[in-house]
Amino acid sequence: MSISEIKLVAFGNPNRDDNAYKILSYSNSIGAQTNFITCGNNEIFSTFNHGKIDWRSSTSGIHWLINSAETILSGDSPKSAMGAGMTFGELEGAKMVMIVDIPDNLADISESWGFVISRIRQIHVLFFTPRALVEISKLEQIPASNLLKEIRNRGLVPHVCTYLSKEKKAMVEHSMGSTNVITEDTLEPLEWLARYICNLPLSGTGNIGVKNACLG
């Protein structure tokens, strides 16, 4: 298998300016197969008919379904669509990627994080942007240095991770332990995540597999 065989689907807003779409763009640039799902051209994202999405077909045979927690703040329809996508995706064997970032209105972070907590057992890769790491640590009253490990232990998420661009440092808490890796290039956090999930199915198992994916 190669990256050209990795299939990713993301759900996000029709402006294509959110984190879920950015992951697809980075993944597509390194050769993965990508598909973006949103509302119809003549629909309003907050109230669109989410029941028209054929999640079973869209998630069949894919490796990753990518969501960003902040999407649920766009309205009831996006929130319902995201939940349905995760449920159908799980049934079809897709693995879930959830991105946690800071909403435009910081006061909304409790709502977006609450959605993540409610769905945490469905998530395979939970990624915190560096600024989200700081804010969620305050919300959970856990030191930022311990947050990834604590969330992994609480939620039993297979991979909880972040990437610090200034330090070129990838940090992953996973079922085999902890992996911290310095990348050769300075990457944007979402660029690193795209590389990580595209390489994870190709990198083998155990600590070595996680390390190889981190360097991908």
C-alpha atoms as a PDB file:
ATOM      1  CA  MET A   1       0.000   0.000   0.000  1.00  0.00           C
ATOM      2  CA  SER A   2       1.088   3.587  -0.675  1.00  0.00           C
ATOM      3  CA  ILE A   3      -0.267   7.031   0.206  1.00  0.00           C
ATOM      4  CA  SER A   4      -2.029   7.087  -3.171  1.00  0.00           C
ATOM      5  CA  GLU A   5      -4.315   4.356  -1.804  1.00  0.00           C
ATOM      6  CA  ILE A   6      -5.203   6.187   1.419  1.00  0.00           C
ATOM      7  CA  LYS A   7      -8.784   7.484   1.319  1.00  0.00           C
ATOM      8  CA  LEU A   8     -10.017  10.381   3.452  1.00  0.00           C
ATOM      9  CA  VAL A   9     -13.395  12.061   3.781  1.00  0.00           C
ATOM     10  CA  ALA A  10     -13.973  15.316   5.670  1.00  0.00           C
ATOM     11  CA  PHE A  11     -17.113  17.184   6.661  1.00  0.00           C
ATOM     12  CA  GLY A  12     -17.122  20.956   6.970  1.00  0.00           C
ATOM     13  CA  ASN A  13     -18.527  24.286   5.925  1.00  0.00           C
ATOM     14  CA  PRO A  14     -19.173  25.205   2.278  1.00  0.00           C
ATOM     15  CA  ASN A  15     -16.653  28.066   2.373  1.00  0.00           C
ATOM     16  CA  ARG A  16     -13.912  25.420   2.540  1.00  0.00           C
ATOM     17  CA  ASP A  17     -11.908  27.499   4.983  1.00  0.00           C
ATOM     18  CA  ASP A  18     -12.088  25.286   8.070  1.00  0.00           C
ATOM     19  CA  ASN A  19      -9.652  22.831   9.608  1.00  0.00           C
ATOM     20  CA  ALA A  20     -11.322  19.745   8.177  1.00  0.00           C
ATOM     21  CA  TYR A  21     -10.883  21.063   4.639  1.00  0.00           C
ATOM     22  CA  LYS A  22      -7.288  22.107   5.345  1.00  0.00           C
ATOM     23  CA  ILE A  23      -6.462  18.528   6.324  1.00  0.00           C
ATOM     24  CA  LEU A  24      -7.894  17.307   3.020  1.00  0.00           C
ATOM     25  CA  SER A  25      -5.861  19.883   1.104  1.00  0.00           C
ATOM     26  CA  TYR A  26      -2.624  18.836   2.780  1.00  0.00           C
ATOM     27  CA  SER A  27      -3.479  15.149   2.312  1.00  0.00           C
ATOM     28  CA  ASN A  28      -4.326  15.651  -1.332  1.00  0.00           C
ATOM     29  CA  SER A  29      -1.016  17.453  -1.901  1.00  0.00           C
ATOM     30  CA  ILE A  30       0.907  14.345  -0.809  1.00  0.00           C
ATOM     31  CA  GLY A  31      -1.138  12.016  -2.993  1.00  0.00           C
ATOM     32  CA  ALA A  32      -4.036  10.735  -0.875  1.00  0.00           C
ATOM     33  CA  GLN A  33      -7.575  10.311  -2.237  1.00  0.00           C
ATOM     34  CA  THR A  34      -9.897  12.909  -0.702  1.00  0.00           C
ATOM     35  CA  ASN A  35     -13.580  13.809  -0.644  1.00  0.00           C
ATOM     36  CA  PHE A  36     -15.175  16.833   1.039  1.00  0.00           C
ATOM     37  CA  ILE A  37     -18.790  16.726   2.219  1.00  0.00           C
ATOM     38  CA  THR A  38     -20.842  19.837   2.934  1.00  0.00           C
ATOM     39  CA  CYS A  39     -24.286  21.283   2.234  1.00  0.00           C
ATOM     40  CA  GLY A  40     -25.683  21.859  -1.238  1.00  0.00           C
ATOM     41  CA  ASN A  41     -24.890  24.998  -3.224  1.00  0.00           C
ATOM     42  CA  ASN A  42     -28.311  26.515  -2.574  1.00  0.00           C
ATOM     43  CA  GLU A  43     -28.497  25.575   1.110  1.00  0.00           C
ATOM     44  CA  ILE A  44     -27.579  27.427   4.289  1.00  0.00           C
ATOM     45  CA  PHE A  45     -25.083  25.377   6.289  1.00  0.00           C
ATOM     46  CA  SER A  46     -26.729  25.992   9.664  1.00  0.00           C
ATOM     47  CA  THR A  47     -30.116  24.652   8.520  1.00  0.00           C
ATOM     48  CA  PHE A  48     -29.385  22.408   5.513  1.00  0.00           C
ATOM     49  CA  ASN A  49     -31.106  19.059   5.044  1.00  0.00           C
ATOM     50  CA  HIS A  50     -28.406  16.851   6.518  1.00  0.00           C
ATOM     51  CA  GLY A  51     -30.556  13.770   5.962  1.00  0.00           C
ATOM     52  CA  LYS A  52     -29.688  13.909   2.267  1.00  0.00           C
ATOM     53  CA  ILE A  53     -26.065  12.936   2.966  1.00  0.00           C
ATOM     54  CA  ASP A  54     -25.479   9.279   2.136  1.00  0.00           C
ATOM     55  CA  TRP A  55     -22.992   8.628   4.909  1.00  0.00           C
ATOM     56  CA  ARG A  56     -22.981   4.881   4.371  1.00  0.00           C
ATOM     57  CA  SER A  57     -21.818   5.241   0.788  1.00  0.00           C
ATOM     58  CA  SER A  58     -19.474   8.148   1.542  1.00  0.00           C
ATOM     59  CA  THR A  59     -17.617   6.324   4.318  1.00  0.00           C
ATOM     60  CA  SER A  60     -17.545   2.835   2.822  1.00  0.00           C
ATOM     61  CA  GLY A  61     -13.982   1.683   2.207  1.00  0.00           C
ATOM     62  CA  ILE A  62     -12.263   4.816   3.497  1.00  0.00           C
ATOM     63  CA  HIS A  63      -9.456   4.978   6.038  1.00  0.00           C
ATOM     64  CA  TRP A  64     -10.296   8.233   7.824  1.00  0.00           C
ATOM     65  CA  LEU A  65     -13.309  10.451   8.464  1.00  0.00           C
ATOM     66  CA  ILE A  66     -12.110  13.899   9.505  1.00  0.00           C
ATOM     67  CA  ASN A  67     -14.097  16.348  11.618  1.00  0.00           C
ATOM     68  CA  SER A  68     -13.311  19.558  13.451  1.00  0.00           C
ATOM     69  CA  ALA A  69     -15.056  20.083  16.784  1.00  0.00           C
ATOM     70  CA  GLU A  70     -15.828  23.718  15.989  1.00  0.00           C
ATOM     71  CA  THR A  71     -18.136  22.657  13.124  1.00  0.00           C
ATOM     72  CA  ILE A  72     -20.926  21.871  15.596  1.00  0.00           C
ATOM     73  CA  LEU A  73     -21.074  25.563  16.521  1.00  0.00           C
ATOM     74  CA  SER A  74     -22.366  26.378  13.016  1.00  0.00           C
ATOM     75  CA  GLY A  75     -25.869  25.122  13.821  1.00  0.00           C
ATOM     76  CA  ASP A  76     -28.052  22.132  14.600  1.00  0.00           C
ATOM     77  CA  SER A  77     -27.847  20.688  11.080  1.00  0.00           C
ATOM     78  CA  PRO A  78     -24.013  20.552  10.984  1.00  0.00           C
ATOM     79  CA  LYS A  79     -23.997  19.104  14.499  1.00  0.00           C
ATOM     80  CA  SER A  80     -26.479  16.385  13.550  1.00  0.00           C
ATOM     81  CA  ALA A  81     -24.644  15.666  10.310  1.00  0.00           C
ATOM     82  CA  MET A  82     -21.359  15.284  12.132  1.00  0.00           C
ATOM     83  CA  GLY A  83     -22.867  12.872  14.635  1.00  0.00           C
ATOM     84  CA  ALA A  84     -24.512  10.820  11.895  1.00  0.00           C
ATOM     85  CA  GLY A  85     -21.289  10.704   9.906  1.00  0.00           C
ATOM     86  CA  MET A  86     -19.350   9.393  12.878  1.00  0.00           C
ATOM     87  CA  THR A  87     -21.979   6.735  13.584  1.00  0.00           C
ATOM     88  CA  PHE A  88     -22.228   5.489   9.996  1.00  0.00           C
ATOM     89  CA  GLY A  89     -18.474   5.800   9.494  1.00  0.00           C
ATOM     90  CA  GLU A  90     -17.814   3.626  12.497  1.00  0.00           C
ATOM     91  CA  LEU A  91     -20.214   0.985  11.177  1.00  0.00           C
ATOM     92  CA  GLU A  92     -18.430   1.046   7.810  1.00  0.00           C
ATOM     93  CA  GLY A  93     -15.015   0.573   9.438  1.00  0.00           C
ATOM     94  CA  ALA A  94     -13.686   4.105   8.987  1.00  0.00           C
ATOM     95  CA  LYS A  95     -11.503   5.556  11.731  1.00  0.00           C
ATOM     96  CA  MET A  96     -12.383   8.955  13.154  1.00  0.00           C
ATOM     97  CA  VAL A  97     -10.072  11.956  13.298  1.00  0.00           C
ATOM     98  CA  MET A  98     -11.185  14.863  15.490  1.00  0.00           C
ATOM     99  CA  ILE A  99      -9.457  18.248  15.453  1.00  0.00           C
ATOM    100  CA  VAL A 100      -9.802  20.477  18.507  1.00  0.00           C
ATOM    101  CA  ASP A 101      -9.088  24.156  17.913  1.00  0.00           C
ATOM    102  CA  ILE A 102     -10.157  27.423  19.522  1.00  0.00           C
ATOM    103  CA  PRO A 103     -13.543  28.717  18.281  1.00  0.00           C
ATOM    104  CA  ASP A 104     -13.799  32.290  17.036  1.00  0.00           C
ATOM    105  CA  ASN A 105     -15.661  33.024  20.266  1.00  0.00           C
ATOM    106  CA  LEU A 106     -13.576  31.542  23.075  1.00  0.00           C
ATOM    107  CA  ALA A 107     -16.702  31.293  25.242  1.00  0.00           C
ATOM    108  CA  ASP A 108     -17.953  28.541  22.899  1.00  0.00           C
ATOM    109  CA  ILE A 109     -15.079  26.214  23.712  1.00  0.00           C
ATOM    110  CA  SER A 110     -17.050  24.404  26.428  1.00  0.00           C
ATOM    111  CA  GLU A 111     -19.739  23.463  23.902  1.00  0.00           C
ATOM    112  CA  SER A 112     -17.344  22.213  21.219  1.00  0.00           C
ATOM    113  CA  TRP A 113     -15.239  20.322  23.749  1.00  0.00           C
ATOM    114  CA  GLY A 114     -18.385  18.865  25.295  1.00  0.00           C
ATOM    115  CA  PHE A 115     -19.301  17.365  21.931  1.00  0.00           C
ATOM    116  CA  VAL A 116     -15.866  15.752  21.718  1.00  0.00           C
ATOM    117  CA  ILE A 117     -16.228  14.273  25.189  1.00  0.00           C
ATOM    118  CA  SER A 118     -19.662  12.880  24.329  1.00  0.00           C
ATOM    119  CA  ARG A 119     -18.219  11.109  21.274  1.00  0.00           C
ATOM    120  CA  ILE A 120     -14.747  10.314  22.542  1.00  0.00           C
ATOM    121  CA  ARG A 121     -15.097   6.524  22.375  1.00  0.00           C
ATOM    122  CA  GLN A 122     -15.652   6.811  18.611  1.00  0.00           C
ATOM    123  CA  ILE A 123     -12.473   8.818  18.005  1.00  0.00           C
ATOM    124  CA  HIS A 124      -9.275   7.126  16.840  1.00  0.00           C
ATOM    125  CA  VAL A 125      -7.019  10.194  16.457  1.00  0.00           C
ATOM    126  CA  LEU A 126      -7.675  13.249  18.633  1.00  0.00           C
ATOM    127  CA  PHE A 127      -5.561  16.243  17.643  1.00  0.00           C
ATOM    128  CA  PHE A 128      -5.164  19.461  19.631  1.00  0.00           C
ATOM    129  CA  THR A 129      -3.823  22.576  17.986  1.00  0.00           C
ATOM    130  CA  PRO A 130      -1.185  24.189  20.234  1.00  0.00           C
ATOM    131  CA  ARG A 131      -3.532  26.970  21.326  1.00  0.00           C
ATOM    132  CA  ALA A 132      -6.336  24.487  22.025  1.00  0.00           C
ATOM    133  CA  LEU A 133      -3.948  22.490  24.186  1.00  0.00           C
ATOM    134  CA  VAL A 134      -3.540  25.526  26.447  1.00  0.00           C
ATOM    135  CA  GLU A 135      -7.237  26.397  26.639  1.00  0.00           C
ATOM    136  CA  ILE A 136      -8.491  22.831  27.168  1.00  0.00           C
ATOM    137  CA  SER A 137      -5.903  22.349  29.908  1.00  0.00           C
ATOM    138  CA  LYS A 138      -7.434  25.359  31.682  1.00  0.00           C
ATOM    139  CA  LEU A 139     -10.942  24.015  31.143  1.00  0.00           C
ATOM    140  CA  GLU A 140     -10.035  20.562  32.454  1.00  0.00           C
ATOM    141  CA  GLN A 141      -7.731  21.976  35.150  1.00  0.00           C
ATOM    142  CA  ILE A 142      -4.921  19.715  33.974  1.00  0.00           C
ATOM    143  CA  PRO A 143      -1.393  21.031  33.262  1.00  0.00           C
ATOM    144  CA  ALA A 144      -0.860  21.343  29.501  1.00  0.00           C
ATOM    145  CA  SER A 145       2.175  19.064  29.785  1.00  0.00           C
ATOM    146  CA  ASN A 146      -0.061  16.259  31.083  1.00  0.00           C
ATOM    147  CA  LEU A 147      -3.209  16.866  29.042  1.00  0.00           C
ATOM    148  CA  LEU A 148      -2.553  14.482  26.142  1.00  0.00           C
ATOM    149  CA  LYS A 149      -1.781  11.559  28.444  1.00  0.00           C
ATOM    150  CA  GLU A 150      -4.690  12.307  30.774  1.00  0.00           C
ATOM    151  CA  ILE A 151      -7.216  12.555  27.933  1.00  0.00           C
ATOM    152  CA  ARG A 152      -5.907   9.345  26.379  1.00  0.00           C
ATOM    153  CA  ASN A 153      -6.173   7.508  29.677  1.00  0.00           C
ATOM    154  CA  ARG A 154      -9.653   8.826  30.402  1.00  0.00           C
ATOM    155  CA  GLY A 155     -11.143   8.298  26.961  1.00  0.00           C
ATOM    156  CA  LEU A 156      -9.033   5.355  25.792  1.00  0.00           C
ATOM    157  CA  VAL A 157      -8.444   7.186  22.506  1.00  0.00           C
ATOM    158  CA  PRO A 158      -5.836   5.233  20.504  1.00  0.00           C
ATOM    159  CA  HIS A 159      -3.914   8.389  19.469  1.00  0.00           C
ATOM    160  CA  VAL A 160      -3.992  11.784  21.226  1.00  0.00           C
ATOM    161  CA  CYS A 161      -1.549  14.237  19.713  1.00  0.00           C
ATOM    162  CA  THR A 162      -0.323  17.731  18.946  1.00  0.00           C
ATOM    163  CA  TYR A 163       2.432  19.385  16.924  1.00  0.00           C
ATOM    164  CA  LEU A 164       4.464  22.393  18.071  1.00  0.00           C
ATOM    165  CA  SER A 165       5.739  24.206  14.992  1.00  0.00           C
ATOM    166  CA  LYS A 166       8.307  26.401  16.762  1.00  0.00           C
ATOM    167  CA  GLU A 167       9.979  23.341  18.255  1.00  0.00           C
ATOM    168  CA  LYS A 168       9.297  21.098  15.229  1.00  0.00           C
ATOM    169  CA  LYS A 169       8.009  18.660  17.842  1.00  0.00           C
ATOM    170  CA  ALA A 170       5.308  16.007  17.400  1.00  0.00           C
ATOM    171  CA  MET A 171       3.839  14.593  20.612  1.00  0.00           C
ATOM    172  CA  VAL A 172       1.648  11.488  20.577  1.00  0.00           C
ATOM    173  CA  GLU A 173       0.122   9.555  23.466  1.00  0.00           C
ATOM    174  CA  HIS A 174      -0.975   6.127  22.293  1.00  0.00           C
ATOM    175  CA  SER A 175      -1.830   2.674  23.559  1.00  0.00           C
ATOM    176  CA  MET A 176       1.836   1.619  23.579  1.00  0.00           C
ATOM    177  CA  GLY A 177       3.093   4.676  25.472  1.00  0.00           C
ATOM    178  CA  SER A 178       4.401   8.120  24.540  1.00  0.00           C
ATOM    179  CA  THR A 179       6.226   9.197  21.385  1.00  0.00           C
ATOM    180  CA  ASN A 180       7.934  12.586  20.995  1.00  0.00           C
ATOM    181  CA  VAL A 181       9.669  13.261  17.691  1.00  0.00           C
ATOM    182  CA  ILE A 182      11.512  16.228  16.192  1.00  0.00           C
ATOM    183  CA  THR A 183      10.677  16.581  12.513  1.00  0.00           C
ATOM    184  CA  GLU A 184      13.249  17.533   9.914  1.00  0.00           C
ATOM    185  CA  ASP A 185      11.103  20.336   8.500  1.00  0.00           C
ATOM    186  CA  THR A 186       9.079  23.004  10.251  1.00  0.00           C
ATOM    187  CA  LEU A 187       5.439  22.168   9.550  1.00  0.00           C
ATOM    188  CA  GLU A 188       2.091  23.768  10.196  1.00  0.00           C
ATOM    189  CA  PRO A 189       0.226  21.743  12.858  1.00  0.00           C
ATOM    190  CA  LEU A 190      -2.472  20.585  10.431  1.00  0.00           C
ATOM    191  CA  GLU A 191       0.141  19.802   7.800  1.00  0.00           C
ATOM    192  CA  TRP A 192       1.833  17.483  10.275  1.00  0.00           C
ATOM    193  CA  LEU A 193      -1.504  15.859  11.154  1.00  0.00           C
ATOM    194  CA  ALA A 194      -2.265  15.208   7.485  1.00  0.00           C
ATOM    195  CA  ARG A 195       1.101  13.521   7.045  1.00  0.00           C
ATOM    196  CA  TYR A 196       0.609  11.533  10.238  1.00  0.00           C
ATOM    197  CA  ILE A 197      -2.761  10.047   9.358  1.00  0.00           C
ATOM    198  CA  CYS A 198      -1.763   9.374   5.748  1.00  0.00           C
ATOM    199  CA  ASN A 199       1.333   7.495   6.863  1.00  0.00           C
ATOM    200  CA  LEU A 200      -0.088   5.729   9.921  1.00  0.00           C
ATOM    201  CA  PRO A 201      -1.721   2.864   7.968  1.00  0.00           C
ATOM    202  CA  LEU A 202       1.601   2.353   6.122  1.00  0.00           C
ATOM    203  CA  SER A 203       4.033   2.563   9.036  1.00  0.00           C
ATOM    204  CA  GLY A 204       3.676  -0.744  10.809  1.00  0.00           C
ATOM    205  CA  THR A 205       2.657  -1.414  14.386  1.00  0.00           C
ATOM    206  CA  GLY A 206       3.889  -0.551  17.864  1.00  0.00           C
ATOM    207  CA  ASN A 207       6.102   2.332  18.903  1.00  0.00           C
ATOM    208  CA  ILE A 208       8.174   2.133  15.724  1.00  0.00           C
ATOM    209  CA  GLY A 209       5.051   2.485  13.587  1.00  0.00           C
ATOM    210  CA  VAL A 210       3.929   5.589  15.477  1.00  0.00           C
ATOM    211  CA  LYS A 211       7.422   7.104  15.247  1.00  0.00           C
ATOM    212  CA  ASN A 212       7.621   6.416  11.522  1.00  0.00           C
ATOM    213  CA  ALA A 213       4.210   8.021  10.967  1.00  0.00           C
ATOM    214  CA  CYS A 214       5.301  11.063  13.016  1.00  0.00           C
ATOM    215  CA  LEU A 215       8.247  11.548  10.669  1.00  0.00           C
ATOM    216  CA  GLY A 216       6.181  10.973   7.542  1.00  0.00           C
END
